[in-house]
Amino acid sequence: MWTLEGLGALKPALVRRLMEDAEPRMRIQAIRASETLYKAGDRSFAADYAALTRDADVDVVIQAMLTINRWKVGDAAATTKTVMENNQAKGVQLVGTTMLTAGGECEQQSRPRT
């Protein structure tokens, strides 16, 4: 998958198939590889990222959250809050809180001072 990504030959169908792989680490790598396609304009991955925030594996959920936040997919903050409400895993809570706090700090820093 990463070889195909590096060659610019990665196809969405392959990535989506790997996002459903039984191995959580493969699902995580598929999310990461899909970022290249998303960045290139394939916004259809937004639905895949949202679905993966409900994955049974906490690490997959965290990677989906990180990707959604990094690429500002949909309403990233609202999605993060929903994930945190539905998944009480410590890692999800920590990453979600960090993203929401960092987002708030960035938003405050970009506001003009009066």
PDB file of N, CA and C in Angstrom:
ATOM      1  N   MET A   1       0.824  -1.177   0.000  1.00  0.00           N
ATOM      2  CA  MET A   1       0.000   0.000   0.000  1.00  0.00           C
ATOM      3  C   MET A   1       0.878   1.255   0.000  1.00  0.00           C
ATOM      4  N   TRP A   2       1.887   1.272   0.851  1.00  0.00           N
ATOM      5  CA  TRP A   2       2.734   2.463   0.927  1.00  0.00           C
ATOM      6  C   TRP A   2       3.570   2.633  -0.337  1.00  0.00           C
ATOM      7  N   THR A   3       3.939   1.538  -0.968  1.00  0.00           N
ATOM      8  CA  THR A   3       4.668   1.632  -2.239  1.00  0.00           C
ATOM      9  C   THR A   3       3.774   2.271  -3.295  1.00  0.00           C
ATOM     10  N   LEU A   4       2.529   1.820  -3.357  1.00  0.00           N
ATOM     11  CA  LEU A   4       1.582   2.404  -4.301  1.00  0.00           C
ATOM     12  C   LEU A   4       1.346   3.878  -4.003  1.00  0.00           C
ATOM     13  N   GLU A   5       1.250   4.215  -2.731  1.00  0.00           N
ATOM     14  CA  GLU A   5       1.048   5.609  -2.338  1.00  0.00           C
ATOM     15  C   GLU A   5       2.232   6.455  -2.805  1.00  0.00           C
ATOM     16  N   GLY A   6       3.441   5.947  -2.591  1.00  0.00           N
ATOM     17  CA  GLY A   6       4.642   6.671  -2.986  1.00  0.00           C
ATOM     18  C   GLY A   6       4.756   6.849  -4.490  1.00  0.00           C
ATOM     19  N   LEU A   7       4.221   5.908  -5.229  1.00  0.00           N
ATOM     20  CA  LEU A   7       4.250   5.988  -6.690  1.00  0.00           C
ATOM     21  C   LEU A   7       3.088   6.797  -7.261  1.00  0.00           C
ATOM     22  N   GLY A   8       2.195   7.237  -6.383  1.00  0.00           N
ATOM     23  CA  GLY A   8       1.023   7.969  -6.853  1.00  0.00           C
ATOM     24  C   GLY A   8      -0.001   7.062  -7.518  1.00  0.00           C
ATOM     25  N   ALA A   9       0.043   5.771  -7.199  1.00  0.00           N
ATOM     26  CA  ALA A   9      -0.843   4.800  -7.845  1.00  0.00           C
ATOM     27  C   ALA A   9      -1.853   4.184  -6.872  1.00  0.00           C
ATOM     28  N   LEU A  10      -1.976   4.748  -5.689  1.00  0.00           N
ATOM     29  CA  LEU A  10      -2.897   4.212  -4.693  1.00  0.00           C
ATOM     30  C   LEU A  10      -4.334   4.480  -5.114  1.00  0.00           C
ATOM     31  N   LYS A  11      -5.162   3.458  -5.070  1.00  0.00           N
ATOM     32  CA  LYS A  11      -6.564   3.569  -5.487  1.00  0.00           C
ATOM     33  C   LYS A  11      -7.481   3.552  -4.268  1.00  0.00           C
ATOM     34  N   PRO A  12      -8.527   4.373  -4.295  1.00  0.00           N
ATOM     35  CA  PRO A  12      -9.471   4.418  -3.170  1.00  0.00           C
ATOM     36  C   PRO A  12     -10.071   3.052  -2.819  1.00  0.00           C
ATOM     37  N   ALA A  13     -10.356   2.230  -3.809  1.00  0.00           N
ATOM     38  CA  ALA A  13     -10.969   0.920  -3.538  1.00  0.00           C
ATOM     39  C   ALA A  13     -10.060   0.051  -2.671  1.00  0.00           C
ATOM     40  N   LEU A  14      -8.771   0.065  -2.954  1.00  0.00           N
ATOM     41  CA  LEU A  14      -7.823  -0.714  -2.146  1.00  0.00           C
ATOM     42  C   LEU A  14      -7.777  -0.182  -0.720  1.00  0.00           C
ATOM     43  N   VAL A  15      -7.704   1.129  -0.583  1.00  0.00           N
ATOM     44  CA  VAL A  15      -7.634   1.725   0.749  1.00  0.00           C
ATOM     45  C   VAL A  15      -8.887   1.360   1.549  1.00  0.00           C
ATOM     46  N   ARG A  16     -10.036   1.468   0.922  1.00  0.00           N
ATOM     47  CA  ARG A  16     -11.283   1.151   1.627  1.00  0.00           C
ATOM     48  C   ARG A  16     -11.339  -0.320   2.025  1.00  0.00           C
ATOM     49  N   ARG A  17     -10.841  -1.185   1.182  1.00  0.00           N
ATOM     50  CA  ARG A  17     -10.806  -2.619   1.521  1.00  0.00           C
ATOM     51  C   ARG A  17      -9.912  -2.835   2.744  1.00  0.00           C
ATOM     52  N   LEU A  18      -8.784  -2.121   2.791  1.00  0.00           N
ATOM     53  CA  LEU A  18      -7.869  -2.261   3.921  1.00  0.00           C
ATOM     54  C   LEU A  18      -8.407  -1.586   5.183  1.00  0.00           C
ATOM     55  N   MET A  19      -9.286  -0.603   5.034  1.00  0.00           N
ATOM     56  CA  MET A  19      -9.926   0.010   6.194  1.00  0.00           C
ATOM     57  C   MET A  19     -10.873  -0.973   6.892  1.00  0.00           C
ATOM     58  N   GLU A  20     -11.201  -2.068   6.211  1.00  0.00           N
ATOM     59  CA  GLU A  20     -12.070  -3.096   6.776  1.00  0.00           C
ATOM     60  C   GLU A  20     -11.296  -4.349   7.186  1.00  0.00           C
ATOM     61  N   ASP A  21      -9.983  -4.301   7.076  1.00  0.00           N
ATOM     62  CA  ASP A  21      -9.144  -5.456   7.412  1.00  0.00           C
ATOM     63  C   ASP A  21      -9.359  -5.881   8.860  1.00  0.00           C
ATOM     64  N   ALA A  22      -9.216  -7.159   9.123  1.00  0.00           N
ATOM     65  CA  ALA A  22      -9.395  -7.683  10.480  1.00  0.00           C
ATOM     66  C   ALA A  22      -8.319  -7.164  11.438  1.00  0.00           C
ATOM     67  N   GLU A  23      -7.167  -6.822  10.922  1.00  0.00           N
ATOM     68  CA  GLU A  23      -6.044  -6.358  11.746  1.00  0.00           C
ATOM     69  C   GLU A  23      -6.156  -4.844  11.963  1.00  0.00           C
ATOM     70  N   PRO A  24      -6.294  -4.404  13.228  1.00  0.00           N
ATOM     71  CA  PRO A  24      -6.414  -2.972  13.505  1.00  0.00           C
ATOM     72  C   PRO A  24      -5.243  -2.147  12.983  1.00  0.00           C
ATOM     73  N   ARG A  25      -4.041  -2.693  13.043  1.00  0.00           N
ATOM     74  CA  ARG A  25      -2.882  -1.930  12.563  1.00  0.00           C
ATOM     75  C   ARG A  25      -2.966  -1.658  11.068  1.00  0.00           C
ATOM     76  N   MET A  26      -3.578  -2.578  10.332  1.00  0.00           N
ATOM     77  CA  MET A  26      -3.762  -2.355   8.900  1.00  0.00           C
ATOM     78  C   MET A  26      -4.813  -1.271   8.663  1.00  0.00           C
ATOM     79  N   ARG A  27      -5.856  -1.263   9.472  1.00  0.00           N
ATOM     80  CA  ARG A  27      -6.869  -0.220   9.342  1.00  0.00           C
ATOM     81  C   ARG A  27      -6.252   1.158   9.608  1.00  0.00           C
ATOM     82  N   ILE A  28      -5.386   1.224  10.608  1.00  0.00           N
ATOM     83  CA  ILE A  28      -4.701   2.480  10.925  1.00  0.00           C
ATOM     84  C   ILE A  28      -3.842   2.924   9.745  1.00  0.00           C
ATOM     85  N   GLN A  29      -3.080   2.026   9.178  1.00  0.00           N
ATOM     86  CA  GLN A  29      -2.236   2.382   8.035  1.00  0.00           C
ATOM     87  C   GLN A  29      -3.078   2.814   6.832  1.00  0.00           C
ATOM     88  N   ALA A  30      -4.233   2.188   6.655  1.00  0.00           N
ATOM     89  CA  ALA A  30      -5.120   2.568   5.557  1.00  0.00           C
ATOM     90  C   ALA A  30      -5.643   3.994   5.757  1.00  0.00           C
ATOM     91  N   ILE A  31      -5.983   4.334   6.995  1.00  0.00           N
ATOM     92  CA  ILE A  31      -6.414   5.706   7.272  1.00  0.00           C
ATOM     93  C   ILE A  31      -5.289   6.671   6.911  1.00  0.00           C
ATOM     94  N   ARG A  32      -4.100   6.362   7.365  1.00  0.00           N
ATOM     95  CA  ARG A  32      -2.961   7.252   7.101  1.00  0.00           C
ATOM     96  C   ARG A  32      -2.697   7.388   5.601  1.00  0.00           C
ATOM     97  N   ALA A  33      -2.719   6.275   4.894  1.00  0.00           N
ATOM     98  CA  ALA A  33      -2.463   6.323   3.449  1.00  0.00           C
ATOM     99  C   ALA A  33      -3.562   7.087   2.718  1.00  0.00           C
ATOM    100  N   SER A  34      -4.783   6.979   3.204  1.00  0.00           N
ATOM    101  CA  SER A  34      -5.899   7.665   2.543  1.00  0.00           C
ATOM    102  C   SER A  34      -5.771   9.176   2.628  1.00  0.00           C
ATOM    103  N   GLU A  35      -5.000   9.671   3.575  1.00  0.00           N
ATOM    104  CA  GLU A  35      -4.830  11.116   3.715  1.00  0.00           C
ATOM    105  C   GLU A  35      -4.258  11.736   2.444  1.00  0.00           C
ATOM    106  N   THR A  36      -3.399  11.006   1.747  1.00  0.00           N
ATOM    107  CA  THR A  36      -2.846  11.493   0.487  1.00  0.00           C
ATOM    108  C   THR A  36      -3.963  11.694  -0.529  1.00  0.00           C
ATOM    109  N   LEU A  37      -4.886  10.742  -0.586  1.00  0.00           N
ATOM    110  CA  LEU A  37      -6.005  10.845  -1.523  1.00  0.00           C
ATOM    111  C   LEU A  37      -6.959  11.960  -1.107  1.00  0.00           C
ATOM    112  N   TYR A  38      -7.191  12.080   0.192  1.00  0.00           N
ATOM    113  CA  TYR A  38      -8.072  13.139   0.690  1.00  0.00           C
ATOM    114  C   TYR A  38      -7.486  14.511   0.354  1.00  0.00           C
ATOM    115  N   LYS A  39      -6.210  14.651   0.638  1.00  0.00           N
ATOM    116  CA  LYS A  39      -5.524  15.921   0.376  1.00  0.00           C
ATOM    117  C   LYS A  39      -5.556  16.262  -1.109  1.00  0.00           C
ATOM    118  N   ALA A  40      -5.539  15.232  -1.957  1.00  0.00           N
ATOM    119  CA  ALA A  40      -5.565  15.441  -3.405  1.00  0.00           C
ATOM    120  C   ALA A  40      -6.972  15.748  -3.919  1.00  0.00           C
ATOM    121  N   GLY A  41      -7.970  15.692  -3.018  1.00  0.00           N
ATOM    122  CA  GLY A  41      -9.314  16.086  -3.437  1.00  0.00           C
ATOM    123  C   GLY A  41     -10.404  15.051  -3.271  1.00  0.00           C
ATOM    124  N   ASP A  42     -10.067  13.832  -2.877  1.00  0.00           N
ATOM    125  CA  ASP A  42     -11.100  12.794  -2.709  1.00  0.00           C
ATOM    126  C   ASP A  42     -11.753  12.935  -1.340  1.00  0.00           C
ATOM    127  N   ARG A  43     -12.716  13.843  -1.259  1.00  0.00           N
ATOM    128  CA  ARG A  43     -13.386  14.132   0.013  1.00  0.00           C
ATOM    129  C   ARG A  43     -14.351  13.031   0.432  1.00  0.00           C
ATOM    130  N   SER A  44     -14.547  12.022  -0.413  1.00  0.00           N
ATOM    131  CA  SER A  44     -15.444  10.926  -0.050  1.00  0.00           C
ATOM    132  C   SER A  44     -14.914  10.134   1.146  1.00  0.00           C
ATOM    133  N   PHE A  45     -13.638  10.292   1.459  1.00  0.00           N
ATOM    134  CA  PHE A  45     -13.085   9.584   2.616  1.00  0.00           C
ATOM    135  C   PHE A  45     -13.610  10.130   3.934  1.00  0.00           C
ATOM    136  N   ALA A  46     -14.221  11.293   3.933  1.00  0.00           N
ATOM    137  CA  ALA A  46     -14.772  11.858   5.171  1.00  0.00           C
ATOM    138  C   ALA A  46     -15.740  10.883   5.830  1.00  0.00           C
ATOM    139  N   ALA A  47     -16.574  10.236   5.040  1.00  0.00           N
ATOM    140  CA  ALA A  47     -17.528   9.263   5.587  1.00  0.00           C
ATOM    141  C   ALA A  47     -16.813   8.045   6.175  1.00  0.00           C
ATOM    142  N   ASP A  48     -15.732   7.635   5.545  1.00  0.00           N
ATOM    143  CA  ASP A  48     -14.956   6.505   6.062  1.00  0.00           C
ATOM    144  C   ASP A  48     -14.326   6.848   7.404  1.00  0.00           C
ATOM    145  N   TYR A  49     -13.785   8.056   7.509  1.00  0.00           N
ATOM    146  CA  TYR A  49     -13.171   8.486   8.765  1.00  0.00           C
ATOM    147  C   TYR A  49     -14.218   8.522   9.871  1.00  0.00           C
ATOM    148  N   ALA A  50     -15.381   9.060   9.564  1.00  0.00           N
ATOM    149  CA  ALA A  50     -16.449   9.124  10.563  1.00  0.00           C
ATOM    150  C   ALA A  50     -16.845   7.720  11.015  1.00  0.00           C
ATOM    151  N   ALA A  51     -16.961   6.796  10.082  1.00  0.00           N
ATOM    152  CA  ALA A  51     -17.312   5.414  10.425  1.00  0.00           C
ATOM    153  C   ALA A  51     -16.240   4.780  11.303  1.00  0.00           C
ATOM    154  N   LEU A  52     -14.985   5.078  11.018  1.00  0.00           N
ATOM    155  CA  LEU A  52     -13.894   4.477  11.788  1.00  0.00           C
ATOM    156  C   LEU A  52     -13.767   5.059  13.192  1.00  0.00           C
ATOM    157  N   THR A  53     -14.436   6.178  13.471  1.00  0.00           N
ATOM    158  CA  THR A  53     -14.445   6.686  14.850  1.00  0.00           C
ATOM    159  C   THR A  53     -15.303   5.794  15.739  1.00  0.00           C
ATOM    160  N   ARG A  54     -16.032   4.862  15.145  1.00  0.00           N
ATOM    161  CA  ARG A  54     -16.850   3.917  15.909  1.00  0.00           C
ATOM    162  C   ARG A  54     -16.250   2.513  15.891  1.00  0.00           C
ATOM    163  N   ASP A  55     -15.008   2.395  15.481  1.00  0.00           N
ATOM    164  CA  ASP A  55     -14.325   1.100  15.404  1.00  0.00           C
ATOM    165  C   ASP A  55     -14.203   0.481  16.794  1.00  0.00           C
ATOM    166  N   ALA A  56     -14.106  -0.833  16.840  1.00  0.00           N
ATOM    167  CA  ALA A  56     -13.966  -1.546  18.113  1.00  0.00           C
ATOM    168  C   ALA A  56     -12.585  -1.339  18.740  1.00  0.00           C
ATOM    169  N   ASP A  57     -11.594  -0.999  17.928  1.00  0.00           N
ATOM    170  CA  ASP A  57     -10.225  -0.826  18.420  1.00  0.00           C
ATOM    171  C   ASP A  57      -9.960   0.649  18.734  1.00  0.00           C
ATOM    172  N   VAL A  58      -9.533   0.923  19.946  1.00  0.00           N
ATOM    173  CA  VAL A  58      -9.298   2.303  20.388  1.00  0.00           C
ATOM    174  C   VAL A  58      -8.240   2.995  19.537  1.00  0.00           C
ATOM    175  N   ASP A  59      -7.196   2.297  19.149  1.00  0.00           N
ATOM    176  CA  ASP A  59      -6.140   2.920  18.348  1.00  0.00           C
ATOM    177  C   ASP A  59      -6.665   3.355  16.978  1.00  0.00           C
ATOM    178  N   VAL A  60      -7.560   2.572  16.411  1.00  0.00           N
ATOM    179  CA  VAL A  60      -8.171   2.944  15.126  1.00  0.00           C
ATOM    180  C   VAL A  60      -9.021   4.200  15.314  1.00  0.00           C
ATOM    181  N   VAL A  61      -9.785   4.236  16.387  1.00  0.00           N
ATOM    182  CA  VAL A  61     -10.629   5.402  16.693  1.00  0.00           C
ATOM    183  C   VAL A  61      -9.753   6.645  16.825  1.00  0.00           C
ATOM    184  N   ILE A  62      -8.675   6.526  17.560  1.00  0.00           N
ATOM    185  CA  ILE A  62      -7.778   7.669  17.763  1.00  0.00           C
ATOM    186  C   ILE A  62      -7.184   8.131  16.440  1.00  0.00           C
ATOM    187  N   GLN A  63      -6.753   7.202  15.591  1.00  0.00           N
ATOM    188  CA  GLN A  63      -6.199   7.608  14.295  1.00  0.00           C
ATOM    189  C   GLN A  63      -7.256   8.309  13.451  1.00  0.00           C
ATOM    190  N   ALA A  64      -8.480   7.808  13.468  1.00  0.00           N
ATOM    191  CA  ALA A  64      -9.555   8.469  12.709  1.00  0.00           C
ATOM    192  C   ALA A  64      -9.781   9.884  13.237  1.00  0.00           C
ATOM    193  N   MET A  65      -9.756  10.044  14.559  1.00  0.00           N
ATOM    194  CA  MET A  65      -9.908  11.378  15.152  1.00  0.00           C
ATOM    195  C   MET A  65      -8.769  12.302  14.727  1.00  0.00           C
ATOM    196  N   LEU A  66      -7.559  11.796  14.772  1.00  0.00           N
ATOM    197  CA  LEU A  66      -6.393  12.601  14.400  1.00  0.00           C
ATOM    198  C   LEU A  66      -6.478  13.036  12.935  1.00  0.00           C
ATOM    199  N   THR A  67      -6.891  12.123  12.080  1.00  0.00           N
ATOM    200  CA  THR A  67      -7.011  12.440  10.658  1.00  0.00           C
ATOM    201  C   THR A  67      -8.103  13.478  10.429  1.00  0.00           C
ATOM    202  N   ILE A  68      -9.241  13.294  11.061  1.00  0.00           N
ATOM    203  CA  ILE A  68     -10.345  14.256  10.934  1.00  0.00           C
ATOM    204  C   ILE A  68      -9.895  15.636  11.387  1.00  0.00           C
ATOM    205  N   ASN A  69      -9.172  15.675  12.481  1.00  0.00           N
ATOM    206  CA  ASN A  69      -8.703  16.957  13.002  1.00  0.00           C
ATOM    207  C   ASN A  69      -7.633  17.572  12.102  1.00  0.00           C
ATOM    208  N   ARG A  70      -6.691  16.772  11.668  1.00  0.00           N
ATOM    209  CA  ARG A  70      -5.570  17.276  10.854  1.00  0.00           C
ATOM    210  C   ARG A  70      -6.056  17.914   9.562  1.00  0.00           C
ATOM    211  N   TRP A  71      -7.024  17.271   8.905  1.00  0.00           N
ATOM    212  CA  TRP A  71      -7.491  17.734   7.608  1.00  0.00           C
ATOM    213  C   TRP A  71      -8.783  18.532   7.713  1.00  0.00           C
ATOM    214  N   LYS A  72      -9.196  18.839   8.944  1.00  0.00           N
ATOM    215  CA  LYS A  72     -10.405  19.647   9.171  1.00  0.00           C
ATOM    216  C   LYS A  72     -11.595  19.074   8.399  1.00  0.00           C
ATOM    217  N   VAL A  73     -11.781  17.767   8.539  1.00  0.00           N
ATOM    218  CA  VAL A  73     -12.856  17.059   7.847  1.00  0.00           C
ATOM    219  C   VAL A  73     -14.189  17.415   8.496  1.00  0.00           C
ATOM    220  N   GLY A  74     -15.128  17.895   7.686  1.00  0.00           N
ATOM    221  CA  GLY A  74     -16.441  18.251   8.215  1.00  0.00           C
ATOM    222  C   GLY A  74     -16.293  19.222   9.372  1.00  0.00           C
ATOM    223  N   ASP A  75     -17.079  19.007  10.392  1.00  0.00           N
ATOM    224  CA  ASP A  75     -16.959  19.794  11.621  1.00  0.00           C
ATOM    225  C   ASP A  75     -16.146  18.956  12.597  1.00  0.00           C
ATOM    226  N   ALA A  76     -14.839  19.083  12.514  1.00  0.00           N
ATOM    227  CA  ALA A  76     -13.921  18.239  13.288  1.00  0.00           C
ATOM    228  C   ALA A  76     -14.190  18.332  14.786  1.00  0.00           C
ATOM    229  N   ALA A  77     -14.442  19.518  15.298  1.00  0.00           N
ATOM    230  CA  ALA A  77     -14.672  19.684  16.739  1.00  0.00           C
ATOM    231  C   ALA A  77     -15.943  18.961  17.175  1.00  0.00           C
ATOM    232  N   ALA A  78     -17.012  19.092  16.405  1.00  0.00           N
ATOM    233  CA  ALA A  78     -18.271  18.420  16.757  1.00  0.00           C
ATOM    234  C   ALA A  78     -18.113  16.905  16.693  1.00  0.00           C
ATOM    235  N   THR A  79     -17.397  16.431  15.705  1.00  0.00           N
ATOM    236  CA  THR A  79     -17.150  14.987  15.588  1.00  0.00           C
ATOM    237  C   THR A  79     -16.347  14.500  16.781  1.00  0.00           C
ATOM    238  N   THR A  80     -15.326  15.251  17.158  1.00  0.00           N
ATOM    239  CA  THR A  80     -14.491  14.876  18.304  1.00  0.00           C
ATOM    240  C   THR A  80     -15.336  14.795  19.575  1.00  0.00           C
ATOM    241  N   LYS A  81     -16.192  15.771  19.783  1.00  0.00           N
ATOM    242  CA  LYS A  81     -17.058  15.769  20.971  1.00  0.00           C
ATOM    243  C   LYS A  81     -17.984  14.563  20.978  1.00  0.00           C
ATOM    244  N   THR A  82     -18.542  14.220  19.823  1.00  0.00           N
ATOM    245  CA  THR A  82     -19.427  13.058  19.725  1.00  0.00           C
ATOM    246  C   THR A  82     -18.680  11.771  20.032  1.00  0.00           C
ATOM    247  N   VAL A  83     -17.484  11.661  19.482  1.00  0.00           N
ATOM    248  CA  VAL A  83     -16.669  10.458  19.744  1.00  0.00           C
ATOM    249  C   VAL A  83     -16.387  10.344  21.241  1.00  0.00           C
ATOM    250  N   MET A  84     -16.037  11.459  21.867  1.00  0.00           N
ATOM    251  CA  MET A  84     -15.726  11.450  23.296  1.00  0.00           C
ATOM    252  C   MET A  84     -16.949  11.076  24.137  1.00  0.00           C
ATOM    253  N   GLU A  85     -18.126  11.493  23.716  1.00  0.00           N
ATOM    254  CA  GLU A  85     -19.351  11.135  24.440  1.00  0.00           C
ATOM    255  C   GLU A  85     -19.651   9.650  24.336  1.00  0.00           C
ATOM    256  N   ASN A  86     -19.311   9.062  23.188  1.00  0.00           N
ATOM    257  CA  ASN A  86     -19.658   7.662  22.927  1.00  0.00           C
ATOM    258  C   ASN A  86     -18.551   6.668  23.260  1.00  0.00           C
ATOM    259  N   ASN A  87     -17.357   7.142  23.509  1.00  0.00           N
ATOM    260  CA  ASN A  87     -16.234   6.245  23.773  1.00  0.00           C
ATOM    261  C   ASN A  87     -15.454   6.797  24.964  1.00  0.00           C
ATOM    262  N   GLN A  88     -15.547   6.115  26.081  1.00  0.00           N
ATOM    263  CA  GLN A  88     -14.927   6.592  27.318  1.00  0.00           C
ATOM    264  C   GLN A  88     -13.498   6.094  27.520  1.00  0.00           C
ATOM    265  N   ALA A  89     -12.918   5.456  26.506  1.00  0.00           N
ATOM    266  CA  ALA A  89     -11.533   4.982  26.631  1.00  0.00           C
ATOM    267  C   ALA A  89     -10.625   6.158  26.979  1.00  0.00           C
ATOM    268  N   LYS A  90      -9.685   5.924  27.877  1.00  0.00           N
ATOM    269  CA  LYS A  90      -8.804   7.004  28.333  1.00  0.00           C
ATOM    270  C   LYS A  90      -8.051   7.657  27.181  1.00  0.00           C
ATOM    271  N   GLY A  91      -7.574   6.864  26.234  1.00  0.00           N
ATOM    272  CA  GLY A  91      -6.838   7.419  25.099  1.00  0.00           C
ATOM    273  C   GLY A  91      -7.703   8.325  24.251  1.00  0.00           C
ATOM    274  N   VAL A  92      -8.936   7.910  24.014  1.00  0.00           N
ATOM    275  CA  VAL A  92      -9.872   8.723  23.229  1.00  0.00           C
ATOM    276  C   VAL A  92     -10.144  10.032  23.957  1.00  0.00           C
ATOM    277  N   GLN A  93     -10.345   9.956  25.259  1.00  0.00           N
ATOM    278  CA  GLN A  93     -10.624  11.155  26.044  1.00  0.00           C
ATOM    279  C   GLN A  93      -9.422  12.106  26.052  1.00  0.00           C
ATOM    280  N   LEU A  94      -8.233  11.552  26.220  1.00  0.00           N
ATOM    281  CA  LEU A  94      -7.025  12.378  26.237  1.00  0.00           C
ATOM    282  C   LEU A  94      -6.781  13.063  24.896  1.00  0.00           C
ATOM    283  N   VAL A  95      -6.834  12.284  23.828  1.00  0.00           N
ATOM    284  CA  VAL A  95      -6.595  12.851  22.502  1.00  0.00           C
ATOM    285  C   VAL A  95      -7.687  13.864  22.156  1.00  0.00           C
ATOM    286  N   GLY A  96      -8.934  13.527  22.434  1.00  0.00           N
ATOM    287  CA  GLY A  96     -10.035  14.442  22.145  1.00  0.00           C
ATOM    288  C   GLY A  96      -9.912  15.746  22.901  1.00  0.00           C
ATOM    289  N   THR A  97      -9.615  15.655  24.187  1.00  0.00           N
ATOM    290  CA  THR A  97      -9.460  16.862  25.003  1.00  0.00           C
ATOM    291  C   THR A  97      -8.302  17.709  24.494  1.00  0.00           C
ATOM    292  N   THR A  98      -7.213  17.071  24.157  1.00  0.00           N
ATOM    293  CA  THR A  98      -6.044  17.791  23.644  1.00  0.00           C
ATOM    294  C   THR A  98      -6.372  18.500  22.336  1.00  0.00           C
ATOM    295  N   MET A  99      -7.069  17.802  21.436  1.00  0.00           N
ATOM    296  CA  MET A  99      -7.417  18.421  20.156  1.00  0.00           C
ATOM    297  C   MET A  99      -8.369  19.599  20.355  1.00  0.00           C
ATOM    298  N   LEU A 100      -9.360  19.426  21.212  1.00  0.00           N
ATOM    299  CA  LEU A 100     -10.326  20.503  21.431  1.00  0.00           C
ATOM    300  C   LEU A 100      -9.678  21.701  22.117  1.00  0.00           C
ATOM    301  N   THR A 101      -8.791  21.428  23.061  1.00  0.00           N
ATOM    302  CA  THR A 101      -8.097  22.509  23.758  1.00  0.00           C
ATOM    303  C   THR A 101      -7.148  23.230  22.806  1.00  0.00           C
ATOM    304  N   ALA A 102      -6.385  22.472  22.044  1.00  0.00           N
ATOM    305  CA  ALA A 102      -5.451  23.076  21.088  1.00  0.00           C
ATOM    306  C   ALA A 102      -6.209  23.875  20.040  1.00  0.00           C
ATOM    307  N   GLY A 103      -7.354  23.363  19.599  1.00  0.00           N
ATOM    308  CA  GLY A 103      -8.175  24.083  18.630  1.00  0.00           C
ATOM    309  C   GLY A 103      -8.671  25.390  19.201  1.00  0.00           C
ATOM    310  N   GLY A 104      -9.077  25.378  20.457  1.00  0.00           N
ATOM    311  CA  GLY A 104      -9.541  26.601  21.104  1.00  0.00           C
ATOM    312  C   GLY A 104      -8.433  27.611  21.254  1.00  0.00           C
ATOM    313  N   GLU A 105      -7.236  27.133  21.612  1.00  0.00           N
ATOM    314  CA  GLU A 105      -6.100  28.042  21.753  1.00  0.00           C
ATOM    315  C   GLU A 105      -5.741  28.656  20.409  1.00  0.00           C
ATOM    316  N   CYS A 106      -5.751  27.830  19.357  1.00  0.00           N
ATOM    317  CA  CYS A 106      -5.421  28.351  18.028  1.00  0.00           C
ATOM    318  C   CYS A 106      -6.457  29.370  17.591  1.00  0.00           C
ATOM    319  N   GLU A 107      -7.725  29.099  17.876  1.00  0.00           N
ATOM    320  CA  GLU A 107      -8.787  30.018  17.481  1.00  0.00           C
ATOM    321  C   GLU A 107      -8.620  31.339  18.219  1.00  0.00           C
ATOM    322  N   GLN A 108      -8.294  31.278  19.513  1.00  0.00           N
ATOM    323  CA  GLN A 108      -8.133  32.503  20.285  1.00  0.00           C
ATOM    324  C   GLN A 108      -6.930  33.301  19.787  1.00  0.00           C
ATOM    325  N   GLN A 109      -5.859  32.619  19.424  1.00  0.00           N
ATOM    326  CA  GLN A 109      -4.659  33.314  18.959  1.00  0.00           C
ATOM    327  C   GLN A 109      -4.894  34.006  17.624  1.00  0.00           C
ATOM    328  N   SER A 110      -5.811  33.466  16.811  1.00  0.00           N
ATOM    329  CA  SER A 110      -6.021  34.065  15.496  1.00  0.00           C
ATOM    330  C   SER A 110      -7.001  35.229  15.538  1.00  0.00           C
ATOM    331  N   ARG A 111      -7.675  35.448  16.650  1.00  0.00           N
ATOM    332  CA  ARG A 111      -8.614  36.563  16.770  1.00  0.00           C
ATOM    333  C   ARG A 111      -7.853  37.871  16.947  1.00  0.00           C
ATOM    334  N   PRO A 112      -8.332  38.916  16.294  1.00  0.00           N
ATOM    335  CA  PRO A 112      -7.681  40.221  16.501  1.00  0.00           C
ATOM    336  C   PRO A 112      -7.909  40.699  17.928  1.00  0.00           C
ATOM    337  N   ARG A 113      -6.928  41.315  18.488  1.00  0.00           N
ATOM    338  CA  ARG A 113      -7.037  41.846  19.849  1.00  0.00           C
ATOM    339  C   ARG A 113      -7.701  43.205  19.792  1.00  0.00           C
ATOM    340  N   THR A 114      -8.571  43.422  20.760  1.00  0.00           N
ATOM    341  CA  THR A 114      -9.277  44.723  20.796  1.00  0.00           C
ATOM    342  C   THR A 114      -8.899  45.507  22.015  1.00  0.00           C
TER     343      THR A 114
END
